[in-house]
PDB file of N, CA and C in Angstrom:
ATOM      1  N   GLN A   1       0.421  -0.794   0.265  1.00  0.00           N
ATOM      2  CA  GLN A   1       0.137   0.473  -0.196  1.00  0.00           C
ATOM      3  C   GLN A   1       0.623   1.030   0.103  1.00  0.00           C
ATOM      4  N   VAL A   2       0.511   1.733  -1.039  1.00  0.00           N
ATOM      5  CA  VAL A   2       1.305   4.304  -1.274  1.00  0.00           C
ATOM      6  C   VAL A   2      -0.064   4.573  -0.797  1.00  0.00           C
ATOM      7  N   GLN A   3       1.114   4.984  -0.223  1.00  0.00           N
ATOM      8  CA  GLN A   3       0.481   6.718   0.312  1.00  0.00           C
ATOM      9  C   GLN A   3       1.220   7.591   0.558  1.00  0.00           C
ATOM     10  N   LEU A   4       0.660   8.625  -0.401  1.00  0.00           N
ATOM     11  CA  LEU A   4       1.038  10.355  -0.106  1.00  0.00           C
ATOM     12  C   LEU A   4       0.326  10.975   0.754  1.00  0.00           C
ATOM     13  N   VAL A   5       1.340  11.702   1.419  1.00  0.00           N
ATOM     14  CA  VAL A   5       1.106  12.781   3.113  1.00  0.00           C
ATOM     15  C   VAL A   5       1.870  13.812   2.271  1.00  0.00           C
ATOM     16  N   GLU A   6       0.254  14.478   2.808  1.00  0.00           N
ATOM     17  CA  GLU A   6       0.903  16.791   1.888  1.00  0.00           C
ATOM     18  C   GLU A   6       0.842  17.240   3.671  1.00  0.00           C
ATOM     19  N   SER A   7       1.482  18.047   4.076  1.00  0.00           N
ATOM     20  CA  SER A   7       2.149  18.978   5.245  1.00  0.00           C
ATOM     21  C   SER A   7       2.534  20.686   4.397  1.00  0.00           C
ATOM     22  N   GLY A   8       2.257  21.241   5.306  1.00  0.00           N
ATOM     23  CA  GLY A   8       2.418  22.219   4.784  1.00  0.00           C
ATOM     24  C   GLY A   8       1.606  23.330   4.364  1.00  0.00           C
ATOM     25  N   GLY A   9       0.095  23.263   4.943  1.00  0.00           N
ATOM     26  CA  GLY A   9      -0.480  24.374   4.059  1.00  0.00           C
ATOM     27  C   GLY A   9      -1.217  25.264   4.918  1.00  0.00           C
ATOM     28  N   GLY A  10      -1.869  26.801   4.658  1.00  0.00           N
ATOM     29  CA  GLY A  10      -2.243  27.356   6.200  1.00  0.00           C
ATOM     30  C   GLY A  10      -2.595  28.569   5.314  1.00  0.00           C
ATOM     31  N   LEU A  11      -2.707  29.878   6.465  1.00  0.00           N
ATOM     32  CA  LEU A  11      -3.308  30.775   5.790  1.00  0.00           C
ATOM     33  C   LEU A  11      -1.681  31.967   6.287  1.00  0.00           C
ATOM     34  N   VAL A  12      -1.230  32.334   4.235  1.00  0.00           N
ATOM     35  CA  VAL A  12      -0.088  33.242   4.469  1.00  0.00           C
ATOM     36  C   VAL A  12      -1.305  34.763   3.947  1.00  0.00           C
ATOM     37  N   GLN A  13      -1.038  36.459   4.750  1.00  0.00           N
ATOM     38  CA  GLN A  13      -1.498  36.997   3.524  1.00  0.00           C
ATOM     39  C   GLN A  13      -0.663  37.477   1.789  1.00  0.00           C
ATOM     40  N   PRO A  14      -1.043  38.554   1.499  1.00  0.00           N
ATOM     41  CA  PRO A  14      -0.422  38.606   0.013  1.00  0.00           C
ATOM     42  C   PRO A  14       1.076  38.952   0.378  1.00  0.00           C
ATOM     43  N   GLY A  15       1.632  37.987  -0.852  1.00  0.00           N
ATOM     44  CA  GLY A  15       3.210  38.228  -1.136  1.00  0.00           C
ATOM     45  C   GLY A  15       3.930  37.877  -0.026  1.00  0.00           C
ATOM     46  N   GLY A  16       3.363  37.059   1.379  1.00  0.00           N
ATOM     47  CA  GLY A  16       4.271  36.051   1.425  1.00  0.00           C
ATOM     48  C   GLY A  16       4.395  34.800   1.169  1.00  0.00           C
ATOM     49  N   SER A  17       5.224  33.586   1.415  1.00  0.00           N
ATOM     50  CA  SER A  17       5.162  32.373   1.091  1.00  0.00           C
ATOM     51  C   SER A  17       4.792  31.206   1.800  1.00  0.00           C
ATOM     52  N   LEU A  18       4.600  29.988   1.994  1.00  0.00           N
ATOM     53  CA  LEU A  18       4.956  28.720   2.251  1.00  0.00           C
ATOM     54  C   LEU A  18       5.630  27.404   1.393  1.00  0.00           C
ATOM     55  N   ARG A  19       5.691  26.828   2.291  1.00  0.00           N
ATOM     56  CA  ARG A  19       6.723  25.976   1.552  1.00  0.00           C
ATOM     57  C   ARG A  19       5.247  24.325   1.884  1.00  0.00           C
ATOM     58  N   LEU A  20       5.110  23.466   0.262  1.00  0.00           N
ATOM     59  CA  LEU A  20       3.857  22.197   0.477  1.00  0.00           C
ATOM     60  C   LEU A  20       5.680  20.943   0.831  1.00  0.00           C
ATOM     61  N   SER A  21       5.049  20.277   1.518  1.00  0.00           N
ATOM     62  CA  SER A  21       5.831  19.240   2.036  1.00  0.00           C
ATOM     63  C   SER A  21       4.768  17.552   1.241  1.00  0.00           C
ATOM     64  N   CYS A  22       5.097  16.966   0.562  1.00  0.00           N
ATOM     65  CA  CYS A  22       4.957  15.350   0.074  1.00  0.00           C
ATOM     66  C   CYS A  22       5.929  14.358  -0.201  1.00  0.00           C
ATOM     67  N   GLU A  23       4.940  13.015   1.272  1.00  0.00           N
ATOM     68  CA  GLU A  23       6.028  11.891   1.052  1.00  0.00           C
ATOM     69  C   GLU A  23       4.744  11.010   0.460  1.00  0.00           C
ATOM     70  N   ALA A  24       5.701  10.161  -0.025  1.00  0.00           N
ATOM     71  CA  ALA A  24       5.454   8.960  -0.374  1.00  0.00           C
ATOM     72  C   ALA A  24       5.763   7.786   0.770  1.00  0.00           C
ATOM     73  N   SER A  25       5.142   7.170   0.521  1.00  0.00           N
ATOM     74  CA  SER A  25       5.586   5.452   1.993  1.00  0.00           C
ATOM     75  C   SER A  25       4.459   4.624   1.509  1.00  0.00           C
ATOM     76  N   GLY A  26       5.142   3.075   1.629  1.00  0.00           N
ATOM     77  CA  GLY A  26       4.912   2.033   1.846  1.00  0.00           C
ATOM     78  C   GLY A  26       6.340   1.347   0.978  1.00  0.00           C
ATOM     79  N   ARG A  27       5.856  -0.186   0.336  1.00  0.00           N
ATOM     80  CA  ARG A  27       7.266  -0.946   0.179  1.00  0.00           C
ATOM     81  C   ARG A  27       7.570  -1.006  -1.305  1.00  0.00           C
ATOM     82  N   GLY A  28       8.222  -1.338  -1.873  1.00  0.00           N
ATOM     83  CA  GLY A  28       8.056  -1.536  -2.890  1.00  0.00           C
ATOM     84  C   GLY A  28       7.462  -1.176  -4.454  1.00  0.00           C
ATOM     85  N   PHE A  29       7.504   0.021  -4.086  1.00  0.00           N
ATOM     86  CA  PHE A  29       7.485   0.696  -5.232  1.00  0.00           C
ATOM     87  C   PHE A  29       8.289   1.955  -6.220  1.00  0.00           C
ATOM     88  N   ARG A  30       8.134   2.507  -7.208  1.00  0.00           N
ATOM     89  CA  ARG A  30       9.579   3.875  -7.531  1.00  0.00           C
ATOM     90  C   ARG A  30       8.730   4.083  -8.150  1.00  0.00           C
ATOM     91  N   LEU A  31       9.071   5.736  -7.732  1.00  0.00           N
ATOM     92  CA  LEU A  31       8.362   6.728  -8.731  1.00  0.00           C
ATOM     93  C   LEU A  31       8.984   7.663  -9.274  1.00  0.00           C
ATOM     94  N   ASN A  32       7.767   7.771  -9.984  1.00  0.00           N
ATOM     95  CA  ASN A  32       7.564   8.322 -12.107  1.00  0.00           C
ATOM     96  C   ASN A  32       7.579   9.981 -11.687  1.00  0.00           C
ATOM     97  N   THR A  33       7.029  10.731 -12.212  1.00  0.00           N
ATOM     98  CA  THR A  33       6.736  12.315 -12.400  1.00  0.00           C
ATOM     99  C   THR A  33       5.960  11.842 -10.813  1.00  0.00           C
ATOM    100  N   MET A  34       6.105  13.295 -10.519  1.00  0.00           N
ATOM    101  CA  MET A  34       5.579  14.005  -9.105  1.00  0.00           C
ATOM    102  C   MET A  34       4.852  15.464  -9.544  1.00  0.00           C
ATOM    103  N   GLY A  35       3.973  15.705  -8.244  1.00  0.00           N
ATOM    104  CA  GLY A  35       3.494  17.247  -9.154  1.00  0.00           C
ATOM    105  C   GLY A  35       2.568  17.793  -7.999  1.00  0.00           C
ATOM    106  N   TRP A  36       2.269  18.979  -8.688  1.00  0.00           N
ATOM    107  CA  TRP A  36       1.227  19.717  -7.411  1.00  0.00           C
ATOM    108  C   TRP A  36       0.181  19.791  -7.979  1.00  0.00           C
ATOM    109  N   TYR A  37      -1.381  19.859  -8.654  1.00  0.00           N
ATOM    110  CA  TYR A  37      -2.085  20.379  -8.367  1.00  0.00           C
ATOM    111  C   TYR A  37      -3.681  21.072  -7.406  1.00  0.00           C
ATOM    112  N   ARG A  38      -4.088  22.029  -8.213  1.00  0.00           N
ATOM    113  CA  ARG A  38      -4.914  23.136  -7.145  1.00  0.00           C
ATOM    114  C   ARG A  38      -6.479  22.403  -7.271  1.00  0.00           C
ATOM    115  N   GLN A  39      -7.232  23.275  -6.523  1.00  0.00           N
ATOM    116  CA  GLN A  39      -8.572  22.593  -6.886  1.00  0.00           C
ATOM    117  C   GLN A  39      -9.175  24.031  -6.261  1.00  0.00           C
ATOM    118  N   ALA A  40      -8.896  24.700  -6.098  1.00  0.00           N
ATOM    119  CA  ALA A  40     -10.699  26.296  -6.100  1.00  0.00           C
ATOM    120  C   ALA A  40     -12.175  26.303  -6.202  1.00  0.00           C
ATOM    121  N   PRO A  41     -12.437  26.853  -4.916  1.00  0.00           N
ATOM    122  CA  PRO A  41     -13.555  26.688  -5.019  1.00  0.00           C
ATOM    123  C   PRO A  41     -14.131  27.038  -5.767  1.00  0.00           C
ATOM    124  N   GLY A  42     -15.710  25.678  -5.923  1.00  0.00           N
ATOM    125  CA  GLY A  42     -16.444  26.226  -8.181  1.00  0.00           C
ATOM    126  C   GLY A  42     -15.573  26.046  -8.464  1.00  0.00           C
ATOM    127  N   LYS A  43     -14.215  25.631  -9.022  1.00  0.00           N
ATOM    128  CA  LYS A  43     -13.356  25.882  -9.997  1.00  0.00           C
ATOM    129  C   LYS A  43     -13.033  23.547 -10.711  1.00  0.00           C
ATOM    130  N   GLN A  44     -12.472  23.599 -11.827  1.00  0.00           N
ATOM    131  CA  GLN A  44     -12.014  22.474 -11.879  1.00  0.00           C
ATOM    132  C   GLN A  44     -10.078  22.539 -11.406  1.00  0.00           C
ATOM    133  N   ARG A  45      -9.964  20.927 -11.153  1.00  0.00           N
ATOM    134  CA  ARG A  45      -8.723  21.240 -10.876  1.00  0.00           C
ATOM    135  C   ARG A  45      -7.511  20.878 -11.502  1.00  0.00           C
ATOM    136  N   GLU A  46      -6.024  22.212 -11.436  1.00  0.00           N
ATOM    137  CA  GLU A  46      -5.809  23.131 -12.108  1.00  0.00           C
ATOM    138  C   GLU A  46      -4.394  21.821 -11.785  1.00  0.00           C
ATOM    139  N   LEU A  47      -3.510  22.003 -12.822  1.00  0.00           N
ATOM    140  CA  LEU A  47      -1.507  21.842 -13.020  1.00  0.00           C
ATOM    141  C   LEU A  47      -1.254  22.460 -12.599  1.00  0.00           C
ATOM    142  N   VAL A  48      -0.012  22.428 -11.234  1.00  0.00           N
ATOM    143  CA  VAL A  48       0.458  23.982 -11.033  1.00  0.00           C
ATOM    144  C   VAL A  48       1.746  23.694 -11.120  1.00  0.00           C
ATOM    145  N   ALA A  49       2.791  22.072 -10.593  1.00  0.00           N
ATOM    146  CA  ALA A  49       3.919  21.921 -11.300  1.00  0.00           C
ATOM    147  C   ALA A  49       4.371  20.672 -10.744  1.00  0.00           C
ATOM    148  N   THR A  50       4.980  20.112 -11.867  1.00  0.00           N
ATOM    149  CA  THR A  50       5.346  18.263 -12.172  1.00  0.00           C
ATOM    150  C   THR A  50       7.024  18.659 -12.403  1.00  0.00           C
ATOM    151  N   VAL A  51       7.700  18.071 -11.359  1.00  0.00           N
ATOM    152  CA  VAL A  51       8.999  17.587 -12.050  1.00  0.00           C
ATOM    153  C   VAL A  51       9.228  16.274 -12.199  1.00  0.00           C
ATOM    154  N   THR A  52       9.362  15.543 -12.587  1.00  0.00           N
ATOM    155  CA  THR A  52      10.386  14.264 -12.843  1.00  0.00           C
ATOM    156  C   THR A  52      10.704  13.858 -12.558  1.00  0.00           C
ATOM    157  N   SER A  53      10.921  12.200 -12.353  1.00  0.00           N
ATOM    158  CA  SER A  53      12.605  11.150 -11.691  1.00  0.00           C
ATOM    159  C   SER A  53      14.444  11.900 -12.390  1.00  0.00           C
ATOM    160  N   SER A  54      14.781  12.887 -12.591  1.00  0.00           N
ATOM    161  CA  SER A  54      15.489  13.643 -14.025  1.00  0.00           C
ATOM    162  C   SER A  54      15.398  14.434 -13.298  1.00  0.00           C
ATOM    163  N   GLY A  55      14.727  15.277 -13.251  1.00  0.00           N
ATOM    164  CA  GLY A  55      14.312  16.629 -12.561  1.00  0.00           C
ATOM    165  C   GLY A  55      14.048  18.247 -13.641  1.00  0.00           C
ATOM    166  N   THR A  56      13.714  17.327 -14.599  1.00  0.00           N
ATOM    167  CA  THR A  56      13.183  18.142 -15.305  1.00  0.00           C
ATOM    168  C   THR A  56      11.657  18.707 -14.699  1.00  0.00           C
ATOM    169  N   THR A  57      11.202  20.115 -14.856  1.00  0.00           N
ATOM    170  CA  THR A  57      10.319  20.915 -14.195  1.00  0.00           C
ATOM    171  C   THR A  57       8.938  20.857 -15.069  1.00  0.00           C
ATOM    172  N   ASN A  58       7.935  21.291 -14.758  1.00  0.00           N
ATOM    173  CA  ASN A  58       6.735  22.365 -16.165  1.00  0.00           C
ATOM    174  C   ASN A  58       6.058  22.547 -14.680  1.00  0.00           C
ATOM    175  N   TYR A  59       6.202  24.197 -15.551  1.00  0.00           N
ATOM    176  CA  TYR A  59       5.060  25.378 -14.722  1.00  0.00           C
ATOM    177  C   TYR A  59       3.798  25.581 -15.052  1.00  0.00           C
ATOM    178  N   ALA A  60       2.941  25.661 -14.273  1.00  0.00           N
ATOM    179  CA  ALA A  60       1.369  26.738 -15.273  1.00  0.00           C
ATOM    180  C   ALA A  60       2.247  27.791 -15.458  1.00  0.00           C
ATOM    181  N   ASP A  61       1.794  28.615 -16.331  1.00  0.00           N
ATOM    182  CA  ASP A  61       2.064  30.610 -16.308  1.00  0.00           C
ATOM    183  C   ASP A  61       1.580  30.466 -15.385  1.00  0.00           C
ATOM    184  N   SER A  62       0.586  30.264 -14.098  1.00  0.00           N
ATOM    185  CA  SER A  62       0.152  31.155 -13.518  1.00  0.00           C
ATOM    186  C   SER A  62       1.240  31.720 -12.562  1.00  0.00           C
ATOM    187  N   VAL A  63       1.260  30.032 -11.908  1.00  0.00           N
ATOM    188  CA  VAL A  63       3.241  30.407 -10.972  1.00  0.00           C
ATOM    189  C   VAL A  63       4.317  30.480 -11.652  1.00  0.00           C
ATOM    190  N   LYS A  64       4.870  30.723 -12.612  1.00  0.00           N
ATOM    191  CA  LYS A  64       6.033  30.758 -13.145  1.00  0.00           C
ATOM    192  C   LYS A  64       7.107  32.172 -12.603  1.00  0.00           C
ATOM    193  N   GLY A  65       7.531  31.667 -12.008  1.00  0.00           N
ATOM    194  CA  GLY A  65       8.423  32.722 -11.406  1.00  0.00           C
ATOM    195  C   GLY A  65       7.864  33.264  -9.795  1.00  0.00           C
ATOM    196  N   ARG A  66       6.829  32.826  -9.306  1.00  0.00           N
ATOM    197  CA  ARG A  66       6.477  32.534  -8.378  1.00  0.00           C
ATOM    198  C   ARG A  66       7.252  30.893  -6.813  1.00  0.00           C
ATOM    199  N   PHE A  67       6.573  29.749  -7.906  1.00  0.00           N
ATOM    200  CA  PHE A  67       6.674  28.852  -7.290  1.00  0.00           C
ATOM    201  C   PHE A  67       8.138  28.259  -7.643  1.00  0.00           C
ATOM    202  N   THR A  68       8.571  27.180  -7.093  1.00  0.00           N
ATOM    203  CA  THR A  68       9.987  26.090  -7.538  1.00  0.00           C
ATOM    204  C   THR A  68       9.456  24.646  -6.771  1.00  0.00           C
ATOM    205  N   ILE A  69       9.446  24.327  -7.777  1.00  0.00           N
ATOM    206  CA  ILE A  69       8.985  22.097  -7.489  1.00  0.00           C
ATOM    207  C   ILE A  69      10.361  22.141  -7.209  1.00  0.00           C
ATOM    208  N   SER A  70      10.795  21.080  -6.334  1.00  0.00           N
ATOM    209  CA  SER A  70      11.725  20.434  -6.209  1.00  0.00           C
ATOM    210  C   SER A  70      11.330  18.850  -5.531  1.00  0.00           C
ATOM    211  N   ARG A  71      12.758  17.645  -5.750  1.00  0.00           N
ATOM    212  CA  ARG A  71      12.279  16.373  -5.424  1.00  0.00           C
ATOM    213  C   ARG A  71      12.777  15.428  -4.982  1.00  0.00           C
ATOM    214  N   ASP A  72      13.355  14.987  -3.200  1.00  0.00           N
ATOM    215  CA  ASP A  72      14.564  14.024  -3.029  1.00  0.00           C
ATOM    216  C   ASP A  72      13.765  13.068  -3.512  1.00  0.00           C
ATOM    217  N   ASN A  73      15.033  12.676  -4.184  1.00  0.00           N
ATOM    218  CA  ASN A  73      14.228  10.388  -4.985  1.00  0.00           C
ATOM    219  C   ASN A  73      14.409  10.037  -3.168  1.00  0.00           C
ATOM    220  N   ALA A  74      15.642  10.287  -2.871  1.00  0.00           N
ATOM    221  CA  ALA A  74      15.647   9.400  -1.153  1.00  0.00           C
ATOM    222  C   ALA A  74      14.812   9.155  -1.207  1.00  0.00           C
ATOM    223  N   LYS A  75      14.486  10.433  -0.346  1.00  0.00           N
ATOM    224  CA  LYS A  75      12.678   9.949   1.587  1.00  0.00           C
ATOM    225  C   LYS A  75      12.006  10.203   0.416  1.00  0.00           C
ATOM    226  N   ASN A  76      11.878   9.957  -1.618  1.00  0.00           N
ATOM    227  CA  ASN A  76      10.488  10.084  -2.134  1.00  0.00           C
ATOM    228  C   ASN A  76       9.502  11.512  -1.128  1.00  0.00           C
ATOM    229  N   THR A  77      10.301  11.884  -1.550  1.00  0.00           N
ATOM    230  CA  THR A  77       9.888  13.694  -1.366  1.00  0.00           C
ATOM    231  C   THR A  77       9.219  14.662  -2.953  1.00  0.00           C
ATOM    232  N   VAL A  78       8.726  15.135  -2.629  1.00  0.00           N
ATOM    233  CA  VAL A  78       9.101  15.799  -3.425  1.00  0.00           C
ATOM    234  C   VAL A  78       8.098  17.516  -2.391  1.00  0.00           C
ATOM    235  N   LEU A  79       8.911  19.085  -2.991  1.00  0.00           N
ATOM    236  CA  LEU A  79       8.653  19.649  -2.259  1.00  0.00           C
ATOM    237  C   LEU A  79       7.662  21.460  -3.283  1.00  0.00           C
ATOM    238  N   LEU A  80       6.732  22.060  -2.998  1.00  0.00           N
ATOM    239  CA  LEU A  80       6.652  22.478  -3.353  1.00  0.00           C
ATOM    240  C   LEU A  80       7.052  24.706  -3.158  1.00  0.00           C
ATOM    241  N   GLN A  81       7.931  24.874  -2.977  1.00  0.00           N
ATOM    242  CA  GLN A  81       7.722  26.047  -3.085  1.00  0.00           C
ATOM    243  C   GLN A  81       7.227  27.593  -3.246  1.00  0.00           C
ATOM    244  N   MET A  82       6.256  28.226  -1.921  1.00  0.00           N
ATOM    245  CA  MET A  82       5.255  29.357  -2.722  1.00  0.00           C
ATOM    246  C   MET A  82       6.146  29.921  -2.598  1.00  0.00           C
ATOM    247  N   ASP A  83       6.756  31.471  -3.199  1.00  0.00           N
ATOM    248  CA  ASP A  83       7.156  32.619  -3.249  1.00  0.00           C
ATOM    249  C   ASP A  83       5.974  33.242  -3.151  1.00  0.00           C
ATOM    250  N   SER A  84       5.911  35.298  -2.990  1.00  0.00           N
ATOM    251  CA  SER A  84       4.590  36.181  -3.221  1.00  0.00           C
ATOM    252  C   SER A  84       3.555  35.296  -3.881  1.00  0.00           C
ATOM    253  N   LEU A  85       2.519  34.907  -2.843  1.00  0.00           N
ATOM    254  CA  LEU A  85       1.353  34.251  -2.849  1.00  0.00           C
ATOM    255  C   LEU A  85       0.600  35.629  -3.265  1.00  0.00           C
ATOM    256  N   LYS A  86      -0.803  35.568  -3.894  1.00  0.00           N
ATOM    257  CA  LYS A  86      -1.457  36.258  -3.638  1.00  0.00           C
ATOM    258  C   LYS A  86      -3.213  35.835  -3.669  1.00  0.00           C
ATOM    259  N   PRO A  87      -3.689  35.970  -4.318  1.00  0.00           N
ATOM    260  CA  PRO A  87      -5.313  35.689  -2.921  1.00  0.00           C
ATOM    261  C   PRO A  87      -5.122  35.120  -3.976  1.00  0.00           C
ATOM    262  N   GLU A  88      -5.124  34.282  -5.575  1.00  0.00           N
ATOM    263  CA  GLU A  88      -6.008  34.070  -6.274  1.00  0.00           C
ATOM    264  C   GLU A  88      -5.436  32.776  -6.285  1.00  0.00           C
ATOM    265  N   ASP A  89      -4.261  32.006  -5.270  1.00  0.00           N
ATOM    266  CA  ASP A  89      -3.261  31.032  -4.891  1.00  0.00           C
ATOM    267  C   ASP A  89      -4.730  30.113  -3.944  1.00  0.00           C
ATOM    268  N   THR A  90      -4.502  30.585  -3.286  1.00  0.00           N
ATOM    269  CA  THR A  90      -6.329  30.142  -2.274  1.00  0.00           C
ATOM    270  C   THR A  90      -6.680  29.270  -3.444  1.00  0.00           C
ATOM    271  N   ALA A  91      -6.495  27.414  -2.457  1.00  0.00           N
ATOM    272  CA  ALA A  91      -7.373  26.871  -3.278  1.00  0.00           C
ATOM    273  C   ALA A  91      -7.145  25.378  -2.160  1.00  0.00           C
ATOM    274  N   VAL A  92      -7.383  23.911  -2.135  1.00  0.00           N
ATOM    275  CA  VAL A  92      -7.189  23.349  -1.774  1.00  0.00           C
ATOM    276  C   VAL A  92      -5.900  22.237  -2.789  1.00  0.00           C
ATOM    277  N   TYR A  93      -4.286  21.897  -2.453  1.00  0.00           N
ATOM    278  CA  TYR A  93      -3.162  22.222  -2.959  1.00  0.00           C
ATOM    279  C   TYR A  93      -3.371  20.004  -3.192  1.00  0.00           C
ATOM    280  N   TYR A  94      -3.181  19.211  -3.948  1.00  0.00           N
ATOM    281  CA  TYR A  94      -2.854  17.908  -4.224  1.00  0.00           C
ATOM    282  C   TYR A  94      -1.671  17.532  -5.011  1.00  0.00           C
ATOM    283  N   CYS A  95      -0.999  15.955  -3.729  1.00  0.00           N
ATOM    284  CA  CYS A  95       0.609  15.909  -3.870  1.00  0.00           C
ATOM    285  C   CYS A  95      -0.565  14.673  -4.990  1.00  0.00           C
ATOM    286  N   ASN A  96       0.506  14.601  -6.628  1.00  0.00           N
ATOM    287  CA  ASN A  96       0.434  13.527  -7.288  1.00  0.00           C
ATOM    288  C   ASN A  96       1.294  12.938  -7.497  1.00  0.00           C
ATOM    289  N   ALA A  97       1.431  11.292  -7.502  1.00  0.00           N
ATOM    290  CA  ALA A  97       2.739  10.949  -8.714  1.00  0.00           C
ATOM    291  C   ALA A  97       2.868   9.788  -8.579  1.00  0.00           C
ATOM    292  N   GLY A  98       3.101   9.682 -10.252  1.00  0.00           N
ATOM    293  CA  GLY A  98       3.301   8.454 -10.930  1.00  0.00           C
ATOM    294  C   GLY A  98       3.901   7.203  -9.753  1.00  0.00           C
ATOM    295  N   VAL A  99       3.102   5.891  -9.694  1.00  0.00           N
ATOM    296  CA  VAL A  99       3.981   5.495  -8.438  1.00  0.00           C
ATOM    297  C   VAL A  99       3.887   4.423  -9.385  1.00  0.00           C
ATOM    298  N   ILE A 100       5.393   3.543  -9.255  1.00  0.00           N
ATOM    299  CA  ILE A 100       5.531   1.958 -10.991  1.00  0.00           C
ATOM    300  C   ILE A 100       5.570   0.580  -9.110  1.00  0.00           C
ATOM    301  N   ILE A 101       4.487  -0.172  -9.807  1.00  0.00           N
ATOM    302  CA  ILE A 101       4.184  -1.126  -9.314  1.00  0.00           C
ATOM    303  C   ILE A 101       4.583  -2.057 -10.061  1.00  0.00           C
ATOM    304  N   GLY A 102       5.888  -3.098  -9.514  1.00  0.00           N
ATOM    305  CA  GLY A 102       6.268  -3.835 -11.246  1.00  0.00           C
ATOM    306  C   GLY A 102       6.115  -3.779 -12.185  1.00  0.00           C
ATOM    307  N   PRO A 103       5.498  -4.098 -13.355  1.00  0.00           N
ATOM    308  CA  PRO A 103       5.471  -3.196 -14.042  1.00  0.00           C
ATOM    309  C   PRO A 103       4.829  -1.931 -14.876  1.00  0.00           C
ATOM    310  N   PHE A 104       4.033  -2.044 -14.058  1.00  0.00           N
ATOM    311  CA  PHE A 104       3.093  -1.090 -14.228  1.00  0.00           C
ATOM    312  C   PHE A 104       3.045   0.292 -13.142  1.00  0.00           C
ATOM    313  N   GLU A 105       2.884   1.424 -13.902  1.00  0.00           N
ATOM    314  CA  GLU A 105       2.536   2.355 -13.119  1.00  0.00           C
ATOM    315  C   GLU A 105       0.411   2.808 -12.756  1.00  0.00           C
ATOM    316  N   TYR A 106       0.853   3.904 -11.454  1.00  0.00           N
ATOM    317  CA  TYR A 106      -1.171   4.296 -11.513  1.00  0.00           C
ATOM    318  C   TYR A 106      -0.701   5.811 -10.844  1.00  0.00           C
ATOM    319  N   PRO A 107      -1.317   5.952 -11.025  1.00  0.00           N
ATOM    320  CA  PRO A 107      -2.162   7.590 -10.336  1.00  0.00           C
ATOM    321  C   PRO A 107      -2.222   7.604  -9.086  1.00  0.00           C
ATOM    322  N   TYR A 108      -2.110   8.653  -8.046  1.00  0.00           N
ATOM    323  CA  TYR A 108      -1.831   8.196  -6.631  1.00  0.00           C
ATOM    324  C   TYR A 108      -1.727   9.654  -6.496  1.00  0.00           C
ATOM    325  N   TRP A 109      -2.680  10.488  -5.975  1.00  0.00           N
ATOM    326  CA  TRP A 109      -3.185  11.481  -4.380  1.00  0.00           C
ATOM    327  C   TRP A 109      -2.630  11.054  -3.214  1.00  0.00           C
ATOM    328  N   GLY A 110      -2.739  12.603  -2.952  1.00  0.00           N
ATOM    329  CA  GLY A 110      -2.271  13.046  -1.580  1.00  0.00           C
ATOM    330  C   GLY A 110      -3.888  13.773  -1.240  1.00  0.00           C
ATOM    331  N   GLN A 111      -4.335  13.801   0.488  1.00  0.00           N
ATOM    332  CA  GLN A 111      -5.335  13.531   0.828  1.00  0.00           C
ATOM    333  C   GLN A 111      -5.593  15.842   0.400  1.00  0.00           C
ATOM    334  N   GLY A 112      -5.078  16.426   0.307  1.00  0.00           N
ATOM    335  CA  GLY A 112      -5.119  17.840   0.402  1.00  0.00           C
ATOM    336  C   GLY A 112      -4.503  18.629   1.096  1.00  0.00           C
ATOM    337  N   THR A 113      -3.665  19.492   0.472  1.00  0.00           N
ATOM    338  CA  THR A 113      -3.679  20.499   2.179  1.00  0.00           C
ATOM    339  C   THR A 113      -4.367  22.069   1.935  1.00  0.00           C
ATOM    340  N   GLN A 114      -5.146  22.367   2.203  1.00  0.00           N
ATOM    341  CA  GLN A 114      -5.162  23.556   2.066  1.00  0.00           C
ATOM    342  C   GLN A 114      -4.175  25.258   2.440  1.00  0.00           C
ATOM    343  N   VAL A 115      -4.529  25.925   0.701  1.00  0.00           N
ATOM    344  CA  VAL A 115      -3.510  26.991   1.377  1.00  0.00           C
ATOM    345  C   VAL A 115      -4.434  28.474   0.992  1.00  0.00           C
ATOM    346  N   THR A 116      -4.658  29.338   2.085  1.00  0.00           N
ATOM    347  CA  THR A 116      -5.422  30.804   2.002  1.00  0.00           C
ATOM    348  C   THR A 116      -4.364  31.585   2.146  1.00  0.00           C
ATOM    349  N   VAL A 117      -4.438  32.176   1.087  1.00  0.00           N
ATOM    350  CA  VAL A 117      -4.219  33.979   0.557  1.00  0.00           C
ATOM    351  C   VAL A 117      -4.573  34.853   1.161  1.00  0.00           C
ATOM    352  N   SER A 118      -5.422  35.228   2.201  1.00  0.00           N
ATOM    353  CA  SER A 118      -6.203  36.524   2.325  1.00  0.00           C
ATOM    354  C   SER A 118      -5.018  37.643   4.569  1.00  0.00           C
ATOM    355  N   SER A 119      -5.808  38.915   3.506  1.00  0.00           N
ATOM    356  CA  SER A 119      -5.547  39.745   4.414  1.00  0.00           C
ATOM    357  C   SER A 119      -6.120  39.680   5.897  1.00  0.00           C
TER     358      SER A 119
END
C-alpha cells in the first residue's frame, strides 16, 4: 500500500510564502513524475507544477517565477516552495505521483492541504 502524505498548508498574507511537502510511503514501489495540482472552490482541478524523476520541471503560467518544485528521490519527497503568494492562489493543493509497482504505473493522490492567501 502506497500513501502520499502532504503537509505545509495554512493561512498567509498576500506576498508571503509557504512550503508544501509530500512524502510517499510504502514498500516495493518507485516514483515516476511527481507534481502538485490545486482546486479552488467552484473550479476544476488544475496543474500547478510537475517534476520528473530526472529533475525536469514544468509550471503553470500563473505560477512561473513565483513557485519552485523540487524532489528528493532518496526520501520519496516532493516540495513546492510558494513565494509572492496572491489571493488567487487560494485553493486545496493536491500532491500527485506516478507510482510504479512491478510492470505497471498508477496515479496516486494525496488527501489535499488547504492554502489560503488573505489579509
